[in-house]
């Protein structure tokens, strides 16, 4: 996962992070894998999807427990620098308040849980805030609900009633999504290790 002299670090790979965060199920892994030295194997769509799920599980495990059996160095950052990032370059204060929704944050979550939540706030089996999607058919009929899965060929959503609907992405179908965590997804391209550690160290101080 951490990479070698001839292969990329998959833990911090933007392709893997996006694949996991945006439910692409292998779409961004294909181009990444073809850049590996002496790579000639052609992955099928199912193989890329399976590989994506495996990497997601592996990344989840590492984020929960670190490279060792217990989290290490999660609070090695600079709290002051983290506060500056929160109010400045990170843009966190545009949506969150240390005296409002983030008040007492450091009491409610462990450092590892905090880091997981700001990196991937929409992940987790019990997360209630989902990406919303509206699918409009050529007939004019529309369906809306939580986005379950989307790829180059199909899109699946779950309506408020709990019913699942799947549509082929053919000409005449239009889609519009609303991602409540879009800003977090954009930050995946910008975070440095220093930013992540500084921000984690600062958030823990919000008692």
C-alpha atoms as a PDB file:
ATOM      1  CA  UNK A   1       0.000   0.000   0.000  1.00  0.00           C
ATOM      2  CA  UNK A   2       2.847   2.425   0.782  1.00  0.00           C
ATOM      3  CA  UNK A   3       4.500   1.993  -2.608  1.00  0.00           C
ATOM      4  CA  UNK A   4       8.005   1.093  -3.718  1.00  0.00           C
ATOM      5  CA  UNK A   5      10.699   2.564  -5.920  1.00  0.00           C
ATOM      6  CA  UNK A   6       8.777   1.358  -8.991  1.00  0.00           C
ATOM      7  CA  UNK A   7       5.138   1.556  -7.852  1.00  0.00           C
ATOM      8  CA  UNK A   8       2.985   4.391  -6.434  1.00  0.00           C
ATOM      9  CA  UNK A   9       1.797   4.814  -2.843  1.00  0.00           C
ATOM     10  CA  UNK A  10      -1.798   3.574  -3.055  1.00  0.00           C
ATOM     11  CA  UNK A  11      -2.730   4.834   0.404  1.00  0.00           C
ATOM     12  CA  UNK A  12      -2.255   8.477  -0.639  1.00  0.00           C
ATOM     13  CA  UNK A  13      -2.997   7.974  -4.348  1.00  0.00           C
ATOM     14  CA  UNK A  14      -5.480  10.580  -5.606  1.00  0.00           C
ATOM     15  CA  UNK A  15      -6.963   7.948  -7.955  1.00  0.00           C
ATOM     16  CA  UNK A  16      -7.651   5.556  -5.073  1.00  0.00           C
ATOM     17  CA  UNK A  17      -8.967   8.357  -2.840  1.00  0.00           C
ATOM     18  CA  UNK A  18     -11.346   9.582  -5.539  1.00  0.00           C
ATOM     19  CA  UNK A  19     -12.420   6.052  -6.422  1.00  0.00           C
ATOM     20  CA  UNK A  20     -13.316   5.463  -2.773  1.00  0.00           C
ATOM     21  CA  UNK A  21     -14.858   8.866  -2.050  1.00  0.00           C
ATOM     22  CA  UNK A  22     -16.953   9.201  -5.221  1.00  0.00           C
ATOM     23  CA  UNK A  23     -18.090   5.571  -5.604  1.00  0.00           C
ATOM     24  CA  UNK A  24     -16.418   5.160  -9.004  1.00  0.00           C
ATOM     25  CA  UNK A  25     -15.667   1.465  -8.383  1.00  0.00           C
ATOM     26  CA  UNK A  26     -12.454   1.211 -10.359  1.00  0.00           C
ATOM     27  CA  UNK A  27     -12.957   3.956 -12.932  1.00  0.00           C
ATOM     28  CA  UNK A  28      -9.868   5.900 -11.838  1.00  0.00           C
ATOM     29  CA  UNK A  29      -7.798   2.810 -11.055  1.00  0.00           C
ATOM     30  CA  UNK A  30      -7.512   1.680 -14.689  1.00  0.00           C
ATOM     31  CA  UNK A  31      -5.379   4.632 -15.840  1.00  0.00           C
ATOM     32  CA  UNK A  32      -3.279   4.373 -12.659  1.00  0.00           C
ATOM     33  CA  UNK A  33      -2.541   0.668 -13.111  1.00  0.00           C
ATOM     34  CA  UNK A  34      -1.521   1.080 -16.740  1.00  0.00           C
ATOM     35  CA  UNK A  35       1.276   3.432 -15.645  1.00  0.00           C
ATOM     36  CA  UNK A  36       3.033   0.691 -13.669  1.00  0.00           C
ATOM     37  CA  UNK A  37       6.330  -0.566 -15.160  1.00  0.00           C
ATOM     38  CA  UNK A  38       5.992  -3.565 -17.536  1.00  0.00           C
ATOM     39  CA  UNK A  39       2.232  -3.545 -17.067  1.00  0.00           C
ATOM     40  CA  UNK A  40       0.355  -5.328 -19.838  1.00  0.00           C
ATOM     41  CA  UNK A  41      -2.606  -7.032 -18.138  1.00  0.00           C
ATOM     42  CA  UNK A  42      -6.026  -5.749 -19.232  1.00  0.00           C
ATOM     43  CA  UNK A  43      -8.487  -5.525 -16.363  1.00  0.00           C
ATOM     44  CA  UNK A  44     -12.180  -6.111 -16.954  1.00  0.00           C
ATOM     45  CA  UNK A  45     -14.747  -3.740 -15.444  1.00  0.00           C
ATOM     46  CA  UNK A  46     -15.605  -6.365 -12.791  1.00  0.00           C
ATOM     47  CA  UNK A  47     -11.946  -6.906 -11.898  1.00  0.00           C
ATOM     48  CA  UNK A  48     -11.408  -3.166 -11.453  1.00  0.00           C
ATOM     49  CA  UNK A  49     -14.528  -2.969  -9.290  1.00  0.00           C
ATOM     50  CA  UNK A  50     -13.349  -5.868  -7.123  1.00  0.00           C
ATOM     51  CA  UNK A  51      -9.880  -4.324  -6.830  1.00  0.00           C
ATOM     52  CA  UNK A  52     -11.438  -0.997  -5.860  1.00  0.00           C
ATOM     53  CA  UNK A  53     -13.437  -2.666  -3.074  1.00  0.00           C
ATOM     54  CA  UNK A  54     -10.298  -4.439  -1.786  1.00  0.00           C
ATOM     55  CA  UNK A  55      -8.262  -1.232  -1.758  1.00  0.00           C
ATOM     56  CA  UNK A  56     -11.101   0.625  -0.036  1.00  0.00           C
ATOM     57  CA  UNK A  57     -11.211  -1.999   2.725  1.00  0.00           C
ATOM     58  CA  UNK A  58      -7.428  -1.838   3.075  1.00  0.00           C
ATOM     59  CA  UNK A  59      -7.383   1.969   3.278  1.00  0.00           C
ATOM     60  CA  UNK A  60     -10.222   1.912   5.811  1.00  0.00           C
ATOM     61  CA  UNK A  61      -8.267  -0.485   7.981  1.00  0.00           C
ATOM     62  CA  UNK A  62      -5.128   1.629   7.831  1.00  0.00           C
ATOM     63  CA  UNK A  63      -7.001   4.845   8.611  1.00  0.00           C
ATOM     64  CA  UNK A  64      -8.637   3.210  11.626  1.00  0.00           C
ATOM     65  CA  UNK A  65      -5.487   1.667  13.067  1.00  0.00           C
ATOM     66  CA  UNK A  66      -2.477   3.198  11.317  1.00  0.00           C
ATOM     67  CA  UNK A  67       0.364   1.167   9.839  1.00  0.00           C
ATOM     68  CA  UNK A  68       0.853  -0.426  13.257  1.00  0.00           C
ATOM     69  CA  UNK A  69      -1.687  -2.191  15.458  1.00  0.00           C
ATOM     70  CA  UNK A  70      -2.440   1.108  17.233  1.00  0.00           C
ATOM     71  CA  UNK A  71      -2.694   4.680  15.866  1.00  0.00           C
ATOM     72  CA  UNK A  72       0.632   6.487  15.956  1.00  0.00           C
ATOM     73  CA  UNK A  73       1.740  10.100  15.477  1.00  0.00           C
ATOM     74  CA  UNK A  74      -1.791  11.338  14.776  1.00  0.00           C
ATOM     75  CA  UNK A  75      -1.190  14.370  16.998  1.00  0.00           C
ATOM     76  CA  UNK A  76       2.294  15.188  15.753  1.00  0.00           C
ATOM     77  CA  UNK A  77       1.052  18.343  14.015  1.00  0.00           C
ATOM     78  CA  UNK A  78       1.011  21.978  15.080  1.00  0.00           C
ATOM     79  CA  UNK A  79      -2.340  23.037  16.548  1.00  0.00           C
ATOM     80  CA  UNK A  80      -1.753  26.721  15.746  1.00  0.00           C
ATOM     81  CA  UNK A  81      -0.955  25.892  12.138  1.00  0.00           C
ATOM     82  CA  UNK A  82      -4.052  23.685  12.063  1.00  0.00           C
ATOM     83  CA  UNK A  83      -6.183  26.576  13.309  1.00  0.00           C
ATOM     84  CA  UNK A  84      -4.728  28.823  10.608  1.00  0.00           C
ATOM     85  CA  UNK A  85      -5.529  26.178   7.986  1.00  0.00           C
ATOM     86  CA  UNK A  86      -9.073  25.779   9.366  1.00  0.00           C
ATOM     87  CA  UNK A  87      -9.730  29.516   9.054  1.00  0.00           C
ATOM     88  CA  UNK A  88      -7.651  30.079   5.935  1.00  0.00           C
ATOM     89  CA  UNK A  89      -6.479  27.787   3.141  1.00  0.00           C
ATOM     90  CA  UNK A  90      -8.705  24.864   4.136  1.00  0.00           C
ATOM     91  CA  UNK A  91     -11.849  26.990   4.069  1.00  0.00           C
ATOM     92  CA  UNK A  92     -13.328  24.924   6.933  1.00  0.00           C
ATOM     93  CA  UNK A  93     -14.709  27.961   8.775  1.00  0.00           C
ATOM     94  CA  UNK A  94     -16.922  28.807   5.791  1.00  0.00           C
ATOM     95  CA  UNK A  95     -19.202  25.885   6.689  1.00  0.00           C
ATOM     96  CA  UNK A  96     -18.277  25.000  10.271  1.00  0.00           C
ATOM     97  CA  UNK A  97     -18.059  26.904  13.550  1.00  0.00           C
ATOM     98  CA  UNK A  98     -15.874  26.071  16.539  1.00  0.00           C
ATOM     99  CA  UNK A  99     -18.612  27.477  18.785  1.00  0.00           C
ATOM    100  CA  UNK A 100     -21.420  25.812  16.838  1.00  0.00           C
ATOM    101  CA  UNK A 101     -21.420  22.412  15.138  1.00  0.00           C
ATOM    102  CA  UNK A 102     -17.752  21.801  16.036  1.00  0.00           C
ATOM    103  CA  UNK A 103     -18.052  22.797  19.700  1.00  0.00           C
ATOM    104  CA  UNK A 104     -16.723  19.974  21.868  1.00  0.00           C
ATOM    105  CA  UNK A 105     -15.606  18.008  18.805  1.00  0.00           C
ATOM    106  CA  UNK A 106     -12.461  16.805  20.553  1.00  0.00           C
ATOM    107  CA  UNK A 107     -14.574  15.237  23.304  1.00  0.00           C
ATOM    108  CA  UNK A 108     -16.832  13.349  20.919  1.00  0.00           C
ATOM    109  CA  UNK A 109     -14.274  11.662  18.682  1.00  0.00           C
ATOM    110  CA  UNK A 110     -10.862  10.037  18.934  1.00  0.00           C
ATOM    111  CA  UNK A 111      -8.044  11.559  16.827  1.00  0.00           C
ATOM    112  CA  UNK A 112      -8.289   8.725  14.290  1.00  0.00           C
ATOM    113  CA  UNK A 113     -12.076   9.136  13.998  1.00  0.00           C
ATOM    114  CA  UNK A 114     -11.701  12.895  13.531  1.00  0.00           C
ATOM    115  CA  UNK A 115      -9.171  12.407  10.765  1.00  0.00           C
ATOM    116  CA  UNK A 116     -11.427   9.864   9.047  1.00  0.00           C
ATOM    117  CA  UNK A 117     -14.411  12.215   9.245  1.00  0.00           C
ATOM    118  CA  UNK A 118     -12.812  15.270   7.660  1.00  0.00           C
ATOM    119  CA  UNK A 119     -11.056  13.231   4.962  1.00  0.00           C
ATOM    120  CA  UNK A 120     -14.112  11.115   4.068  1.00  0.00           C
ATOM    121  CA  UNK A 121     -17.160  12.657   5.786  1.00  0.00           C
ATOM    122  CA  UNK A 122     -19.657  10.773   3.656  1.00  0.00           C
ATOM    123  CA  UNK A 123     -18.266   7.304   4.402  1.00  0.00           C
ATOM    124  CA  UNK A 124     -19.544   4.870   6.997  1.00  0.00           C
ATOM    125  CA  UNK A 125     -22.491   2.512   7.176  1.00  0.00           C
ATOM    126  CA  UNK A 126     -24.498   4.826   9.418  1.00  0.00           C
ATOM    127  CA  UNK A 127     -23.855   8.111   7.641  1.00  0.00           C
ATOM    128  CA  UNK A 128     -27.213   9.789   7.043  1.00  0.00           C
ATOM    129  CA  UNK A 129     -26.111  12.453   4.578  1.00  0.00           C
ATOM    130  CA  UNK A 130     -25.819  11.019   1.091  1.00  0.00           C
ATOM    131  CA  UNK A 131     -25.107  12.355  -2.379  1.00  0.00           C
ATOM    132  CA  UNK A 132     -28.471  13.166  -3.966  1.00  0.00           C
ATOM    133  CA  UNK A 133     -29.215  12.486  -7.614  1.00  0.00           C
ATOM    134  CA  UNK A 134     -32.063  13.311  -9.967  1.00  0.00           C
ATOM    135  CA  UNK A 135     -32.465  11.158 -13.076  1.00  0.00           C
ATOM    136  CA  UNK A 136     -34.690  12.436 -15.873  1.00  0.00           C
ATOM    137  CA  UNK A 137     -35.747   9.987 -18.559  1.00  0.00           C
ATOM    138  CA  UNK A 138     -36.338  10.807 -22.223  1.00  0.00           C
ATOM    139  CA  UNK A 139     -40.074  10.531 -21.511  1.00  0.00           C
ATOM    140  CA  UNK A 140     -39.779  13.435 -19.100  1.00  0.00           C
ATOM    141  CA  UNK A 141     -40.359  11.375 -15.959  1.00  0.00           C
ATOM    142  CA  UNK A 142     -37.918  12.033 -13.126  1.00  0.00           C
ATOM    143  CA  UNK A 143     -36.654   9.960 -10.195  1.00  0.00           C
ATOM    144  CA  UNK A 144     -34.731  11.326  -7.201  1.00  0.00           C
ATOM    145  CA  UNK A 145     -32.997   9.844  -4.188  1.00  0.00           C
ATOM    146  CA  UNK A 146     -29.722   8.807  -2.585  1.00  0.00           C
ATOM    147  CA  UNK A 147     -26.986   7.892  -5.029  1.00  0.00           C
ATOM    148  CA  UNK A 148     -26.086   4.230  -4.547  1.00  0.00           C
ATOM    149  CA  UNK A 149     -23.775   3.602  -7.495  1.00  0.00           C
ATOM    150  CA  UNK A 150     -22.793   5.238 -10.753  1.00  0.00           C
ATOM    151  CA  UNK A 151     -20.436   4.163 -13.551  1.00  0.00           C
ATOM    152  CA  UNK A 152     -20.132   4.633 -17.298  1.00  0.00           C
ATOM    153  CA  UNK A 153     -23.109   2.371 -18.015  1.00  0.00           C
ATOM    154  CA  UNK A 154     -25.649   2.489 -15.186  1.00  0.00           C
ATOM    155  CA  UNK A 155     -26.810   4.585 -12.259  1.00  0.00           C
ATOM    156  CA  UNK A 156     -28.617   3.271  -9.181  1.00  0.00           C
ATOM    157  CA  UNK A 157     -30.519   5.337  -6.637  1.00  0.00           C
ATOM    158  CA  UNK A 158     -32.609   4.726  -3.546  1.00  0.00           C
ATOM    159  CA  UNK A 159     -35.854   6.679  -3.280  1.00  0.00           C
ATOM    160  CA  UNK A 160     -37.211   8.031   0.009  1.00  0.00           C
ATOM    161  CA  UNK A 161     -39.651   5.127   0.042  1.00  0.00           C
ATOM    162  CA  UNK A 162     -36.668   2.770   0.218  1.00  0.00           C
ATOM    163  CA  UNK A 163     -37.183   1.431  -3.303  1.00  0.00           C
ATOM    164  CA  UNK A 164     -34.067   0.986  -5.450  1.00  0.00           C
ATOM    165  CA  UNK A 165     -34.093   1.991  -9.099  1.00  0.00           C
ATOM    166  CA  UNK A 166     -31.402   1.395 -11.702  1.00  0.00           C
ATOM    167  CA  UNK A 167     -31.158   3.040 -15.120  1.00  0.00           C
ATOM    168  CA  UNK A 168     -28.973   2.477 -18.144  1.00  0.00           C
ATOM    169  CA  UNK A 169     -27.058   5.590 -19.136  1.00  0.00           C
ATOM    170  CA  UNK A 170     -28.361   5.878 -22.672  1.00  0.00           C
ATOM    171  CA  UNK A 171     -28.942   8.936 -24.882  1.00  0.00           C
ATOM    172  CA  UNK A 172     -31.895  10.966 -23.654  1.00  0.00           C
ATOM    173  CA  UNK A 173     -31.237  10.433 -19.947  1.00  0.00           C
ATOM    174  CA  UNK A 174     -29.956  13.395 -17.941  1.00  0.00           C
ATOM    175  CA  UNK A 175     -28.638  13.403 -14.392  1.00  0.00           C
ATOM    176  CA  UNK A 176     -27.897  16.033 -11.777  1.00  0.00           C
ATOM    177  CA  UNK A 177     -26.167  15.386  -8.460  1.00  0.00           C
ATOM    178  CA  UNK A 178     -25.867  17.371  -5.255  1.00  0.00           C
ATOM    179  CA  UNK A 179     -22.904  16.299  -3.129  1.00  0.00           C
ATOM    180  CA  UNK A 180     -23.016  17.822   0.376  1.00  0.00           C
ATOM    181  CA  UNK A 181     -19.335  16.980   0.780  1.00  0.00           C
ATOM    182  CA  UNK A 182     -18.068  18.257  -2.582  1.00  0.00           C
ATOM    183  CA  UNK A 183     -15.663  20.678  -0.917  1.00  0.00           C
ATOM    184  CA  UNK A 184     -14.094  17.838   1.056  1.00  0.00           C
ATOM    185  CA  UNK A 185     -13.646  15.856  -2.162  1.00  0.00           C
ATOM    186  CA  UNK A 186     -11.872  18.808  -3.783  1.00  0.00           C
ATOM    187  CA  UNK A 187      -9.500  19.065  -0.824  1.00  0.00           C
ATOM    188  CA  UNK A 188      -8.265  15.513  -1.436  1.00  0.00           C
ATOM    189  CA  UNK A 189      -6.201  16.942  -4.303  1.00  0.00           C
ATOM    190  CA  UNK A 190      -4.752  19.655  -2.075  1.00  0.00           C
ATOM    191  CA  UNK A 191      -4.084  18.163   1.362  1.00  0.00           C
ATOM    192  CA  UNK A 192      -0.499  17.528   2.341  1.00  0.00           C
ATOM    193  CA  UNK A 193       0.504  15.198   5.180  1.00  0.00           C
ATOM    194  CA  UNK A 194       1.415  18.297   7.176  1.00  0.00           C
ATOM    195  CA  UNK A 195      -2.025  19.840   6.596  1.00  0.00           C
ATOM    196  CA  UNK A 196      -3.752  16.644   7.745  1.00  0.00           C
ATOM    197  CA  UNK A 197      -1.687  16.296  10.925  1.00  0.00           C
ATOM    198  CA  UNK A 198      -1.963  19.995  11.783  1.00  0.00           C
ATOM    199  CA  UNK A 199      -5.728  20.000  11.289  1.00  0.00           C
ATOM    200  CA  UNK A 200      -6.205  16.803  13.318  1.00  0.00           C
ATOM    201  CA  UNK A 201      -4.104  18.209  16.161  1.00  0.00           C
ATOM    202  CA  UNK A 202      -6.157  21.415  16.161  1.00  0.00           C
ATOM    203  CA  UNK A 203      -9.557  19.729  16.039  1.00  0.00           C
ATOM    204  CA  UNK A 204      -8.685  17.609  19.063  1.00  0.00           C
ATOM    205  CA  UNK A 205      -8.267  20.832  21.087  1.00  0.00           C
ATOM    206  CA  UNK A 206     -11.938  21.734  20.572  1.00  0.00           C
ATOM    207  CA  UNK A 207     -13.129  20.476  23.954  1.00  0.00           C
END
